[in-house]
Amino acid sequence: QVQLVESGGGLVQPGGSLRVSCAASSSIFSIFAMGWYRQAPGKQRELVAAITSGGITKYADFVKGRFTISRDNAKKKVYLQMDTLKPEDTAVYYCNLGGGYSDTYSFMGDYWGQGTQVTVSS
């Protein structure tokens, strides 16, 4: 069993930046792809960004050029740097372990964190 714990959410003004982190409890973290998803009230959970075990990244079109996903296998952490934030980025952000990602497909893994709230508002 792997536990994932997100942190770093909060309130930020439009145009601002925020970095959220996800810490894994197990060293198997390094062999799995990681994804960041988000869910806004009344909407379905959607993929924001993903990174494979080899460091290949994938981004949703709505965050390309604004968000950056990275991972530190030694620390068992994955990060999402969010810049030029917009009110529509407001959501609970979840990290996910064990999914699969390429240019043509994506699917979620079985392990989720509890989520961290990101609110973009003036």
PDB file of N, CA and C in Angstrom:
ATOM      1  N   GLN A   1       0.843  -1.188   0.000  1.00  0.00           N
ATOM      2  CA  GLN A   1       0.000   0.000   0.000  1.00  0.00           C
ATOM      3  C   GLN A   1       0.880   1.240   0.000  1.00  0.00           C
ATOM      4  N   VAL A   2       0.547   2.196  -0.860  1.00  0.00           N
ATOM      5  CA  VAL A   2       1.293   3.445  -0.943  1.00  0.00           C
ATOM      6  C   VAL A   2       0.388   4.582  -0.490  1.00  0.00           C
ATOM      7  N   GLN A   3       0.918   5.435   0.353  1.00  0.00           N
ATOM      8  CA  GLN A   3       0.178   6.629   0.760  1.00  0.00           C
ATOM      9  C   GLN A   3       0.765   7.857   0.079  1.00  0.00           C
ATOM     10  N   LEU A   4      -0.114   8.746  -0.349  1.00  0.00           N
ATOM     11  CA  LEU A   4       0.278   9.983  -1.005  1.00  0.00           C
ATOM     12  C   LEU A   4      -0.283  11.156  -0.207  1.00  0.00           C
ATOM     13  N   VAL A   5       0.548  12.151   0.050  1.00  0.00           N
ATOM     14  CA  VAL A   5       0.118  13.306   0.823  1.00  0.00           C
ATOM     15  C   VAL A   5       0.484  14.570   0.063  1.00  0.00           C
ATOM     16  N   GLU A   6      -0.559  15.328  -0.318  1.00  0.00           N
ATOM     17  CA  GLU A   6      -0.332  16.590  -1.005  1.00  0.00           C
ATOM     18  C   GLU A   6      -0.178  17.730   0.000  1.00  0.00           C
ATOM     19  N   SER A   7       0.514  18.770  -0.425  1.00  0.00           N
ATOM     20  CA  SER A   7       0.656  19.977   0.385  1.00  0.00           C
ATOM     21  C   SER A   7       0.939  21.150  -0.542  1.00  0.00           C
ATOM     22  N   GLY A   8       0.791  22.355   0.018  1.00  0.00           N
ATOM     23  CA  GLY A   8       1.175  23.550  -0.717  1.00  0.00           C
ATOM     24  C   GLY A   8       0.045  24.327  -1.349  1.00  0.00           C
ATOM     25  N   GLY A   9      -1.181  23.864  -1.201  1.00  0.00           N
ATOM     26  CA  GLY A   9      -2.292  24.611  -1.758  1.00  0.00           C
ATOM     27  C   GLY A   9      -2.545  25.888  -0.968  1.00  0.00           C
ATOM     28  N   GLY A  10      -3.455  26.703  -1.472  1.00  0.00           N
ATOM     29  CA  GLY A  10      -3.780  27.936  -0.772  1.00  0.00           C
ATOM     30  C   GLY A  10      -4.496  28.911  -1.666  1.00  0.00           C
ATOM     31  N   LEU A  11      -4.564  30.147  -1.190  1.00  0.00           N
ATOM     32  CA  LEU A  11      -5.224  31.231  -1.912  1.00  0.00           C
ATOM     33  C   LEU A  11      -4.160  32.087  -2.599  1.00  0.00           C
ATOM     34  N   VAL A  12      -4.366  32.361  -3.872  1.00  0.00           N
ATOM     35  CA  VAL A  12      -3.422  33.175  -4.631  1.00  0.00           C
ATOM     36  C   VAL A  12      -4.194  34.082  -5.568  1.00  0.00           C
ATOM     37  N   GLN A  13      -3.653  35.233  -5.843  1.00  0.00           N
ATOM     38  CA  GLN A  13      -4.310  36.177  -6.742  1.00  0.00           C
ATOM     39  C   GLN A  13      -4.108  35.764  -8.201  1.00  0.00           C
ATOM     40  N   PRO A  14      -5.016  36.150  -9.064  1.00  0.00           N
ATOM     41  CA  PRO A  14      -4.826  35.878 -10.499  1.00  0.00           C
ATOM     42  C   PRO A  14      -3.485  36.414 -10.979  1.00  0.00           C
ATOM     43  N   GLY A  15      -2.813  35.609 -11.800  1.00  0.00           N
ATOM     44  CA  GLY A  15      -1.492  35.967 -12.273  1.00  0.00           C
ATOM     45  C   GLY A  15      -0.372  35.507 -11.370  1.00  0.00           C
ATOM     46  N   GLY A  16      -0.720  35.021 -10.186  1.00  0.00           N
ATOM     47  CA  GLY A  16       0.285  34.591  -9.229  1.00  0.00           C
ATOM     48  C   GLY A  16       0.759  33.170  -9.468  1.00  0.00           C
ATOM     49  N   SER A  17       1.626  32.712  -8.559  1.00  0.00           N
ATOM     50  CA  SER A  17       2.219  31.381  -8.660  1.00  0.00           C
ATOM     51  C   SER A  17       2.033  30.605  -7.367  1.00  0.00           C
ATOM     52  N   LEU A  18       2.064  29.290  -7.511  1.00  0.00           N
ATOM     53  CA  LEU A  18       1.940  28.395  -6.371  1.00  0.00           C
ATOM     54  C   LEU A  18       2.598  27.076  -6.758  1.00  0.00           C
ATOM     55  N   ARG A  19       3.213  26.430  -5.787  1.00  0.00           N
ATOM     56  CA  ARG A  19       3.759  25.096  -6.035  1.00  0.00           C
ATOM     57  C   ARG A  19       3.129  24.117  -5.061  1.00  0.00           C
ATOM     58  N   VAL A  20       2.546  23.071  -5.610  1.00  0.00           N
ATOM     59  CA  VAL A  20       2.007  22.000  -4.770  1.00  0.00           C
ATOM     60  C   VAL A  20       2.933  20.798  -4.852  1.00  0.00           C
ATOM     61  N   SER A  21       2.974  20.058  -3.766  1.00  0.00           N
ATOM     62  CA  SER A  21       3.858  18.906  -3.661  1.00  0.00           C
ATOM     63  C   SER A  21       3.066  17.679  -3.267  1.00  0.00           C
ATOM     64  N   CYS A  22       3.614  16.534  -3.605  1.00  0.00           N
ATOM     65  CA  CYS A  22       3.003  15.262  -3.229  1.00  0.00           C
ATOM     66  C   CYS A  22       4.126  14.339  -2.769  1.00  0.00           C
ATOM     67  N   ALA A  23       4.001  13.846  -1.551  1.00  0.00           N
ATOM     68  CA  ALA A  23       5.005  12.956  -0.986  1.00  0.00           C
ATOM     69  C   ALA A  23       4.463  11.535  -0.925  1.00  0.00           C
ATOM     70  N   ALA A  24       5.259  10.593  -1.394  1.00  0.00           N
ATOM     71  CA  ALA A  24       4.869   9.186  -1.360  1.00  0.00           C
ATOM     72  C   ALA A  24       5.538   8.483  -0.194  1.00  0.00           C
ATOM     73  N   SER A  25       4.870   7.443   0.305  1.00  0.00           N
ATOM     74  CA  SER A  25       5.371   6.737   1.490  1.00  0.00           C
ATOM     75  C   SER A  25       6.297   5.580   1.146  1.00  0.00           C
ATOM     76  N   SER A  26       6.365   5.227  -0.138  1.00  0.00           N
ATOM     77  CA  SER A  26       7.111   4.037  -0.514  1.00  0.00           C
ATOM     78  C   SER A  26       8.128   4.338  -1.609  1.00  0.00           C
ATOM     79  N   SER A  27       9.244   3.613  -1.555  1.00  0.00           N
ATOM     80  CA  SER A  27      10.286   3.804  -2.563  1.00  0.00           C
ATOM     81  C   SER A  27       9.887   3.273  -3.940  1.00  0.00           C
ATOM     82  N   ILE A  28       8.769   2.541  -4.006  1.00  0.00           N
ATOM     83  CA  ILE A  28       8.316   2.085  -5.323  1.00  0.00           C
ATOM     84  C   ILE A  28       7.854   3.267  -6.163  1.00  0.00           C
ATOM     85  N   PHE A  29       7.708   4.400  -5.510  1.00  0.00           N
ATOM     86  CA  PHE A  29       7.353   5.648  -6.196  1.00  0.00           C
ATOM     87  C   PHE A  29       8.168   5.821  -7.468  1.00  0.00           C
ATOM     88  N   SER A  30       9.453   5.503  -7.416  1.00  0.00           N
ATOM     89  CA  SER A  30      10.363   5.816  -8.506  1.00  0.00           C
ATOM     90  C   SER A  30      10.070   5.036  -9.791  1.00  0.00           C
ATOM     91  N   ILE A  31       9.364   3.929  -9.697  1.00  0.00           N
ATOM     92  CA  ILE A  31       9.143   3.116 -10.889  1.00  0.00           C
ATOM     93  C   ILE A  31       7.787   3.365 -11.530  1.00  0.00           C
ATOM     94  N   PHE A  32       7.008   4.269 -10.951  1.00  0.00           N
ATOM     95  CA  PHE A  32       5.674   4.538 -11.467  1.00  0.00           C
ATOM     96  C   PHE A  32       5.547   5.944 -12.019  1.00  0.00           C
ATOM     97  N   ALA A  33       4.674   6.073 -13.009  1.00  0.00           N
ATOM     98  CA  ALA A  33       4.298   7.403 -13.471  1.00  0.00           C
ATOM     99  C   ALA A  33       3.444   8.085 -12.408  1.00  0.00           C
ATOM    100  N   MET A  34       3.536   9.403 -12.369  1.00  0.00           N
ATOM    101  CA  MET A  34       2.751  10.210 -11.430  1.00  0.00           C
ATOM    102  C   MET A  34       1.921  11.210 -12.215  1.00  0.00           C
ATOM    103  N   GLY A  35       0.720  11.453 -11.719  1.00  0.00           N
ATOM    104  CA  GLY A  35      -0.138  12.435 -12.360  1.00  0.00           C
ATOM    105  C   GLY A  35      -0.695  13.417 -11.358  1.00  0.00           C
ATOM    106  N   TRP A  36      -0.937  14.620 -11.822  1.00  0.00           N
ATOM    107  CA  TRP A  36      -1.693  15.623 -11.058  1.00  0.00           C
ATOM    108  C   TRP A  36      -3.041  15.781 -11.755  1.00  0.00           C
ATOM    109  N   TYR A  37      -4.100  15.677 -10.978  1.00  0.00           N
ATOM    110  CA  TYR A  37      -5.465  15.862 -11.449  1.00  0.00           C
ATOM    111  C   TYR A  37      -6.102  16.968 -10.632  1.00  0.00           C
ATOM    112  N   ARG A  38      -7.188  17.492 -11.154  1.00  0.00           N
ATOM    113  CA  ARG A  38      -7.920  18.489 -10.380  1.00  0.00           C
ATOM    114  C   ARG A  38      -9.422  18.280 -10.574  1.00  0.00           C
ATOM    115  N   GLN A  39     -10.154  18.744  -9.574  1.00  0.00           N
ATOM    116  CA  GLN A  39     -11.606  18.658  -9.627  1.00  0.00           C
ATOM    117  C   GLN A  39     -12.201  19.923  -9.043  1.00  0.00           C
ATOM    118  N   ALA A  40     -12.936  20.624  -9.864  1.00  0.00           N
ATOM    119  CA  ALA A  40     -13.654  21.816  -9.430  1.00  0.00           C
ATOM    120  C   ALA A  40     -15.080  21.422  -9.048  1.00  0.00           C
ATOM    121  N   PRO A  41     -15.744  22.228  -8.221  1.00  0.00           N
ATOM    122  CA  PRO A  41     -17.123  21.901  -7.809  1.00  0.00           C
ATOM    123  C   PRO A  41     -18.030  21.704  -9.014  1.00  0.00           C
ATOM    124  N   GLY A  42     -18.756  20.605  -9.011  1.00  0.00           N
ATOM    125  CA  GLY A  42     -19.693  20.332 -10.081  1.00  0.00           C
ATOM    126  C   GLY A  42     -19.084  19.833 -11.373  1.00  0.00           C
ATOM    127  N   LYS A  43     -17.771  19.599 -11.365  1.00  0.00           N
ATOM    128  CA  LYS A  43     -17.095  19.146 -12.574  1.00  0.00           C
ATOM    129  C   LYS A  43     -16.413  17.814 -12.338  1.00  0.00           C
ATOM    130  N   GLN A  44     -16.088  17.130 -13.431  1.00  0.00           N
ATOM    131  CA  GLN A  44     -15.381  15.868 -13.331  1.00  0.00           C
ATOM    132  C   GLN A  44     -13.902  16.105 -13.048  1.00  0.00           C
ATOM    133  N   ARG A  45     -13.280  15.102 -12.443  1.00  0.00           N
ATOM    134  CA  ARG A  45     -11.850  15.165 -12.221  1.00  0.00           C
ATOM    135  C   ARG A  45     -11.147  15.078 -13.572  1.00  0.00           C
ATOM    136  N   GLU A  46     -10.124  15.931 -13.751  1.00  0.00           N
ATOM    137  CA  GLU A  46      -9.437  15.969 -15.027  1.00  0.00           C
ATOM    138  C   GLU A  46      -7.929  15.957 -14.851  1.00  0.00           C
ATOM    139  N   LEU A  47      -7.259  15.391 -15.846  1.00  0.00           N
ATOM    140  CA  LEU A  47      -5.802  15.357 -15.818  1.00  0.00           C
ATOM    141  C   LEU A  47      -5.241  16.751 -16.066  1.00  0.00           C
ATOM    142  N   VAL A  48      -4.276  17.131 -15.238  1.00  0.00           N
ATOM    143  CA  VAL A  48      -3.581  18.406 -15.403  1.00  0.00           C
ATOM    144  C   VAL A  48      -2.204  18.178 -16.027  1.00  0.00           C
ATOM    145  N   ALA A  49      -1.441  17.266 -15.434  1.00  0.00           N
ATOM    146  CA  ALA A  49      -0.087  16.986 -15.918  1.00  0.00           C
ATOM    147  C   ALA A  49       0.346  15.627 -15.398  1.00  0.00           C
ATOM    148  N   ALA A  50       1.272  15.015 -16.120  1.00  0.00           N
ATOM    149  CA  ALA A  50       1.782  13.720 -15.693  1.00  0.00           C
ATOM    150  C   ALA A  50       3.262  13.625 -16.039  1.00  0.00           C
ATOM    151  N   ILE A  51       3.951  12.747 -15.315  1.00  0.00           N
ATOM    152  CA  ILE A  51       5.363  12.524 -15.578  1.00  0.00           C
ATOM    153  C   ILE A  51       5.652  11.038 -15.413  1.00  0.00           C
ATOM    154  N   THR A  52       6.319  10.461 -16.403  1.00  0.00           N
ATOM    155  CA  THR A  52       6.626   9.041 -16.334  1.00  0.00           C
ATOM    156  C   THR A  52       7.813   8.787 -15.411  1.00  0.00           C
ATOM    157  N   SER A  53       8.104   7.521 -15.166  1.00  0.00           N
ATOM    158  CA  SER A  53       9.250   7.185 -14.328  1.00  0.00           C
ATOM    159  C   SER A  53      10.543   7.677 -14.968  1.00  0.00           C
ATOM    160  N   GLY A  54      10.556   7.794 -16.287  1.00  0.00           N
ATOM    161  CA  GLY A  54      11.737   8.274 -17.002  1.00  0.00           C
ATOM    162  C   GLY A  54      11.784   9.772 -17.193  1.00  0.00           C
ATOM    163  N   GLY A  55      10.783  10.473 -16.685  1.00  0.00           N
ATOM    164  CA  GLY A  55      10.803  11.930 -16.737  1.00  0.00           C
ATOM    165  C   GLY A  55      10.105  12.554 -17.935  1.00  0.00           C
ATOM    166  N   ILE A  56       9.419  11.747 -18.734  1.00  0.00           N
ATOM    167  CA  ILE A  56       8.659  12.302 -19.862  1.00  0.00           C
ATOM    168  C   ILE A  56       7.374  12.925 -19.327  1.00  0.00           C
ATOM    169  N   THR A  57       7.080  14.112 -19.794  1.00  0.00           N
ATOM    170  CA  THR A  57       5.944  14.847 -19.262  1.00  0.00           C
ATOM    171  C   THR A  57       4.805  14.965 -20.271  1.00  0.00           C
ATOM    172  N   LYS A  58       3.629  15.166 -19.708  1.00  0.00           N
ATOM    173  CA  LYS A  58       2.409  15.354 -20.512  1.00  0.00           C
ATOM    174  C   LYS A  58       1.581  16.408 -19.817  1.00  0.00           C
ATOM    175  N   TYR A  59       1.024  17.333 -20.601  1.00  0.00           N
ATOM    176  CA  TYR A  59       0.226  18.422 -20.033  1.00  0.00           C
ATOM    177  C   TYR A  59      -1.116  18.539 -20.740  1.00  0.00           C
ATOM    178  N   ALA A  60      -2.125  18.906 -19.962  1.00  0.00           N
ATOM    179  CA  ALA A  60      -3.390  19.271 -20.562  1.00  0.00           C
ATOM    180  C   ALA A  60      -3.204  20.585 -21.313  1.00  0.00           C
ATOM    181  N   ASP A  61      -3.951  20.748 -22.394  1.00  0.00           N
ATOM    182  CA  ASP A  61      -3.792  21.957 -23.206  1.00  0.00           C
ATOM    183  C   ASP A  61      -4.031  23.229 -22.390  1.00  0.00           C
ATOM    184  N   PHE A  62      -4.935  23.160 -21.417  1.00  0.00           N
ATOM    185  CA  PHE A  62      -5.294  24.373 -20.687  1.00  0.00           C
ATOM    186  C   PHE A  62      -4.223  24.831 -19.701  1.00  0.00           C
ATOM    187  N   VAL A  63      -3.153  24.044 -19.504  1.00  0.00           N
ATOM    188  CA  VAL A  63      -2.070  24.477 -18.618  1.00  0.00           C
ATOM    189  C   VAL A  63      -0.714  24.554 -19.319  1.00  0.00           C
ATOM    190  N   LYS A  64      -0.661  24.179 -20.583  1.00  0.00           N
ATOM    191  CA  LYS A  64       0.617  24.205 -21.298  1.00  0.00           C
ATOM    192  C   LYS A  64       1.203  25.612 -21.286  1.00  0.00           C
ATOM    193  N   GLY A  65       2.482  25.673 -20.937  1.00  0.00           N
ATOM    194  CA  GLY A  65       3.167  26.956 -20.874  1.00  0.00           C
ATOM    195  C   GLY A  65       3.009  27.681 -19.552  1.00  0.00           C
ATOM    196  N   ARG A  66       2.128  27.180 -18.687  1.00  0.00           N
ATOM    197  CA  ARG A  66       1.909  27.821 -17.382  1.00  0.00           C
ATOM    198  C   ARG A  66       2.317  26.921 -16.217  1.00  0.00           C
ATOM    199  N   PHE A  67       2.101  25.625 -16.347  1.00  0.00           N
ATOM    200  CA  PHE A  67       2.386  24.681 -15.270  1.00  0.00           C
ATOM    201  C   PHE A  67       3.576  23.803 -15.654  1.00  0.00           C
ATOM    202  N   THR A  68       4.323  23.375 -14.634  1.00  0.00           N
ATOM    203  CA  THR A  68       5.454  22.477 -14.847  1.00  0.00           C
ATOM    204  C   THR A  68       5.418  21.371 -13.807  1.00  0.00           C
ATOM    205  N   ILE A  69       5.447  20.136 -14.281  1.00  0.00           N
ATOM    206  CA  ILE A  69       5.509  18.994 -13.372  1.00  0.00           C
ATOM    207  C   ILE A  69       6.943  18.498 -13.296  1.00  0.00           C
ATOM    208  N   SER A  70       7.344  18.077 -12.101  1.00  0.00           N
ATOM    209  CA  SER A  70       8.690  17.527 -11.918  1.00  0.00           C
ATOM    210  C   SER A  70       8.641  16.501 -10.797  1.00  0.00           C
ATOM    211  N   ARG A  71       9.682  15.710 -10.713  1.00  0.00           N
ATOM    212  CA  ARG A  71       9.737  14.704  -9.654  1.00  0.00           C
ATOM    213  C   ARG A  71      11.153  14.589  -9.122  1.00  0.00           C
ATOM    214  N   ASP A  72      11.231  14.198  -7.848  1.00  0.00           N
ATOM    215  CA  ASP A  72      12.509  13.943  -7.190  1.00  0.00           C
ATOM    216  C   ASP A  72      12.408  12.545  -6.596  1.00  0.00           C
ATOM    217  N   ASN A  73      12.959  11.573  -7.284  1.00  0.00           N
ATOM    218  CA  ASN A  73      12.803  10.185  -6.832  1.00  0.00           C
ATOM    219  C   ASN A  73      13.508   9.929  -5.497  1.00  0.00           C
ATOM    220  N   ALA A  74      14.607  10.613  -5.254  1.00  0.00           N
ATOM    221  CA  ALA A  74      15.314  10.416  -3.988  1.00  0.00           C
ATOM    222  C   ALA A  74      14.464  10.866  -2.809  1.00  0.00           C
ATOM    223  N   LYS A  75      13.682  11.922  -3.012  1.00  0.00           N
ATOM    224  CA  LYS A  75      12.809  12.429  -1.951  1.00  0.00           C
ATOM    225  C   LYS A  75      11.410  11.815  -2.020  1.00  0.00           C
ATOM    226  N   LYS A  76      11.148  11.023  -3.068  1.00  0.00           N
ATOM    227  CA  LYS A  76       9.828  10.421  -3.260  1.00  0.00           C
ATOM    228  C   LYS A  76       8.745  11.479  -3.352  1.00  0.00           C
ATOM    229  N   LYS A  77       9.024  12.513  -4.140  1.00  0.00           N
ATOM    230  CA  LYS A  77       8.083  13.618  -4.280  1.00  0.00           C
ATOM    231  C   LYS A  77       7.864  13.977  -5.739  1.00  0.00           C
ATOM    232  N   VAL A  78       6.670  14.462  -5.994  1.00  0.00           N
ATOM    233  CA  VAL A  78       6.344  15.044  -7.284  1.00  0.00           C
ATOM    234  C   VAL A  78       5.793  16.443  -7.024  1.00  0.00           C
ATOM    235  N   TYR A  79       6.114  17.355  -7.929  1.00  0.00           N
ATOM    236  CA  TYR A  79       5.750  18.755  -7.754  1.00  0.00           C
ATOM    237  C   TYR A  79       4.948  19.244  -8.950  1.00  0.00           C
ATOM    238  N   LEU A  80       4.134  20.248  -8.686  1.00  0.00           N
ATOM    239  CA  LEU A  80       3.450  20.949  -9.763  1.00  0.00           C
ATOM    240  C   LEU A  80       3.639  22.441  -9.518  1.00  0.00           C
ATOM    241  N   GLN A  81       4.476  23.045 -10.346  1.00  0.00           N
ATOM    242  CA  GLN A  81       4.678  24.490 -10.289  1.00  0.00           C
ATOM    243  C   GLN A  81       3.628  25.146 -11.170  1.00  0.00           C
ATOM    244  N   MET A  82       2.837  26.021 -10.576  1.00  0.00           N
ATOM    245  CA  MET A  82       1.736  26.661 -11.297  1.00  0.00           C
ATOM    246  C   MET A  82       1.987  28.156 -11.371  1.00  0.00           C
ATOM    247  N   ASP A  83       2.150  28.656 -12.576  1.00  0.00           N
ATOM    248  CA  ASP A  83       2.393  30.075 -12.812  1.00  0.00           C
ATOM    249  C   ASP A  83       1.244  30.681 -13.613  1.00  0.00           C
ATOM    250  N   THR A  84       1.176  31.984 -13.590  1.00  0.00           N
ATOM    251  CA  THR A  84       0.122  32.714 -14.317  1.00  0.00           C
ATOM    252  C   THR A  84      -1.254  32.096 -14.037  1.00  0.00           C
ATOM    253  N   LEU A  85      -1.532  31.927 -12.777  1.00  0.00           N
ATOM    254  CA  LEU A  85      -2.779  31.268 -12.383  1.00  0.00           C
ATOM    255  C   LEU A  85      -3.994  32.104 -12.747  1.00  0.00           C
ATOM    256  N   LYS A  86      -5.073  31.395 -13.079  1.00  0.00           N
ATOM    257  CA  LYS A  86      -6.332  32.018 -13.476  1.00  0.00           C
ATOM    258  C   LYS A  86      -7.432  31.563 -12.520  1.00  0.00           C
ATOM    259  N   PRO A  87      -8.490  32.343 -12.386  1.00  0.00           N
ATOM    260  CA  PRO A  87      -9.599  31.909 -11.522  1.00  0.00           C
ATOM    261  C   PRO A  87     -10.133  30.527 -11.893  1.00  0.00           C
ATOM    262  N   GLU A  88     -10.104  30.177 -13.150  1.00  0.00           N
ATOM    263  CA  GLU A  88     -10.609  28.868 -13.571  1.00  0.00           C
ATOM    264  C   GLU A  88      -9.683  27.717 -13.179  1.00  0.00           C
ATOM    265  N   ASP A  89      -8.519  28.015 -12.626  1.00  0.00           N
ATOM    266  CA  ASP A  89      -7.644  26.977 -12.087  1.00  0.00           C
ATOM    267  C   ASP A  89      -8.055  26.564 -10.675  1.00  0.00           C
ATOM    268  N   THR A  90      -9.024  27.270 -10.105  1.00  0.00           N
ATOM    269  CA  THR A  90      -9.495  26.944  -8.768  1.00  0.00           C
ATOM    270  C   THR A  90     -10.082  25.537  -8.740  1.00  0.00           C
ATOM    271  N   ALA A  91      -9.558  24.706  -7.849  1.00  0.00           N
ATOM    272  CA  ALA A  91      -9.985  23.315  -7.757  1.00  0.00           C
ATOM    273  C   ALA A  91      -9.240  22.638  -6.620  1.00  0.00           C
ATOM    274  N   VAL A  92      -9.656  21.424  -6.301  1.00  0.00           N
ATOM    275  CA  VAL A  92      -8.858  20.564  -5.442  1.00  0.00           C
ATOM    276  C   VAL A  92      -7.901  19.788  -6.350  1.00  0.00           C
ATOM    277  N   TYR A  93      -6.636  19.828  -6.010  1.00  0.00           N
ATOM    278  CA  TYR A  93      -5.604  19.169  -6.806  1.00  0.00           C
ATOM    279  C   TYR A  93      -5.180  17.874  -6.113  1.00  0.00           C
ATOM    280  N   TYR A  94      -5.172  16.791  -6.883  1.00  0.00           N
ATOM    281  CA  TYR A  94      -4.855  15.468  -6.368  1.00  0.00           C
ATOM    282  C   TYR A  94      -3.641  14.896  -7.102  1.00  0.00           C
ATOM    283  N   CYS A  95      -2.794  14.202  -6.374  1.00  0.00           N
ATOM    284  CA  CYS A  95      -1.758  13.446  -7.066  1.00  0.00           C
ATOM    285  C   CYS A  95      -2.199  11.982  -7.155  1.00  0.00           C
ATOM    286  N   ASN A  96      -1.676  11.339  -8.172  1.00  0.00           N
ATOM    287  CA  ASN A  96      -2.090   9.979  -8.498  1.00  0.00           C
ATOM    288  C   ASN A  96      -0.865   9.167  -8.892  1.00  0.00           C
ATOM    289  N   LEU A  97      -0.801   7.943  -8.405  1.00  0.00           N
ATOM    290  CA  LEU A  97       0.331   7.065  -8.701  1.00  0.00           C
ATOM    291  C   LEU A  97      -0.137   5.830  -9.453  1.00  0.00           C
ATOM    292  N   GLY A  98       0.634   5.451 -10.453  1.00  0.00           N
ATOM    293  CA  GLY A  98       0.405   4.172 -11.109  1.00  0.00           C
ATOM    294  C   GLY A  98      -0.314   4.237 -12.436  1.00  0.00           C
ATOM    295  N   GLY A  99      -0.596   5.437 -12.923  1.00  0.00           N
ATOM    296  CA  GLY A  99      -1.284   5.552 -14.197  1.00  0.00           C
ATOM    297  C   GLY A  99      -0.341   5.350 -15.374  1.00  0.00           C
ATOM    298  N   GLY A 100      -0.879   5.533 -16.578  1.00  0.00           N
ATOM    299  CA  GLY A 100      -0.096   5.408 -17.796  1.00  0.00           C
ATOM    300  C   GLY A 100      -0.342   6.614 -18.687  1.00  0.00           C
ATOM    301  N   TYR A 101       0.727   7.101 -19.309  1.00  0.00           N
ATOM    302  CA  TYR A 101       0.603   8.334 -20.073  1.00  0.00           C
ATOM    303  C   TYR A 101       1.502   8.297 -21.306  1.00  0.00           C
ATOM    304  N   SER A 102       0.946   8.769 -22.425  1.00  0.00           N
ATOM    305  CA  SER A 102       1.731   8.946 -23.644  1.00  0.00           C
ATOM    306  C   SER A 102       1.047  10.055 -24.438  1.00  0.00           C
ATOM    307  N   ASP A 103       1.521  10.287 -25.631  1.00  0.00           N
ATOM    308  CA  ASP A 103       0.903  11.311 -26.479  1.00  0.00           C
ATOM    309  C   ASP A 103      -0.526  10.948 -26.858  1.00  0.00           C
ATOM    310  N   THR A 104      -0.828   9.655 -26.860  1.00  0.00           N
ATOM    311  CA  THR A 104      -2.124   9.216 -27.395  1.00  0.00           C
ATOM    312  C   THR A 104      -3.079   8.666 -26.342  1.00  0.00           C
ATOM    313  N   TYR A 105      -2.615   8.466 -25.118  1.00  0.00           N
ATOM    314  CA  TYR A 105      -3.525   7.933 -24.113  1.00  0.00           C
ATOM    315  C   TYR A 105      -3.109   8.382 -22.731  1.00  0.00           C
ATOM    316  N   SER A 106      -4.048   8.277 -21.802  1.00  0.00           N
ATOM    317  CA  SER A 106      -3.748   8.480 -20.397  1.00  0.00           C
ATOM    318  C   SER A 106      -4.777   7.693 -19.594  1.00  0.00           C
ATOM    319  N   PHE A 107      -4.355   7.115 -18.525  1.00  0.00           N
ATOM    320  CA  PHE A 107      -5.274   6.470 -17.598  1.00  0.00           C
ATOM    321  C   PHE A 107      -4.746   6.618 -16.179  1.00  0.00           C
ATOM    322  N   MET A 108      -5.689   6.676 -15.239  1.00  0.00           N
ATOM    323  CA  MET A 108      -5.365   6.907 -13.837  1.00  0.00           C
ATOM    324  C   MET A 108      -4.831   5.644 -13.196  1.00  0.00           C
ATOM    325  N   GLY A 109      -4.005   5.855 -12.169  1.00  0.00           N
ATOM    326  CA  GLY A 109      -3.569   4.743 -11.352  1.00  0.00           C
ATOM    327  C   GLY A 109      -4.518   4.513 -10.185  1.00  0.00           C
ATOM    328  N   ASP A 110      -4.182   3.578  -9.338  1.00  0.00           N
ATOM    329  CA  ASP A 110      -5.071   3.186  -8.240  1.00  0.00           C
ATOM    330  C   ASP A 110      -4.891   3.989  -6.961  1.00  0.00           C
ATOM    331  N   TYR A 111      -3.810   4.736  -6.867  1.00  0.00           N
ATOM    332  CA  TYR A 111      -3.501   5.412  -5.610  1.00  0.00           C
ATOM    333  C   TYR A 111      -3.678   6.920  -5.734  1.00  0.00           C
ATOM    334  N   TRP A 112      -4.387   7.472  -4.736  1.00  0.00           N
ATOM    335  CA  TRP A 112      -4.689   8.895  -4.715  1.00  0.00           C
ATOM    336  C   TRP A 112      -4.307   9.502  -3.375  1.00  0.00           C
ATOM    337  N   GLY A 113      -3.925  10.779  -3.426  1.00  0.00           N
ATOM    338  CA  GLY A 113      -3.794  11.541  -2.203  1.00  0.00           C
ATOM    339  C   GLY A 113      -5.148  12.095  -1.803  1.00  0.00           C
ATOM    340  N   GLN A 114      -5.145  12.849  -0.683  1.00  0.00           N
ATOM    341  CA  GLN A 114      -6.402  13.393  -0.165  1.00  0.00           C
ATOM    342  C   GLN A 114      -6.775  14.709  -0.835  1.00  0.00           C
ATOM    343  N   GLY A 115      -5.851  15.296  -1.573  1.00  0.00           N
ATOM    344  CA  GLY A 115      -6.119  16.536  -2.288  1.00  0.00           C
ATOM    345  C   GLY A 115      -5.700  17.772  -1.520  1.00  0.00           C
ATOM    346  N   THR A 116      -5.418  18.824  -2.247  1.00  0.00           N
ATOM    347  CA  THR A 116      -5.093  20.118  -1.659  1.00  0.00           C
ATOM    348  C   THR A 116      -5.832  21.195  -2.444  1.00  0.00           C
ATOM    349  N   GLN A 117      -6.465  22.110  -1.709  1.00  0.00           N
ATOM    350  CA  GLN A 117      -7.291  23.136  -2.344  1.00  0.00           C
ATOM    351  C   GLN A 117      -6.418  24.266  -2.881  1.00  0.00           C
ATOM    352  N   VAL A 118      -6.664  24.626  -4.124  1.00  0.00           N
ATOM    353  CA  VAL A 118      -6.037  25.797  -4.737  1.00  0.00           C
ATOM    354  C   VAL A 118      -7.162  26.752  -5.140  1.00  0.00           C
ATOM    355  N   THR A 119      -7.096  27.964  -4.628  1.00  0.00           N
ATOM    356  CA  THR A 119      -8.105  28.968  -4.926  1.00  0.00           C
ATOM    357  C   THR A 119      -7.426  30.185  -5.536  1.00  0.00           C
ATOM    358  N   VAL A 120      -7.882  30.559  -6.720  1.00  0.00           N
ATOM    359  CA  VAL A 120      -7.320  31.719  -7.409  1.00  0.00           C
ATOM    360  C   VAL A 120      -8.394  32.804  -7.428  1.00  0.00           C
ATOM    361  N   SER A 121      -8.169  33.839  -6.673  1.00  0.00           N
ATOM    362  CA  SER A 121      -9.173  34.884  -6.529  1.00  0.00           C
ATOM    363  C   SER A 121      -8.517  36.172  -6.052  1.00  0.00           C
ATOM    364  N   SER A 122      -9.101  37.290  -6.463  1.00  0.00           N
ATOM    365  CA  SER A 122      -8.624  38.584  -5.987  1.00  0.00           C
ATOM    366  C   SER A 122      -9.432  39.033  -4.774  1.00  0.00           C
TER     367      SER A 122
END
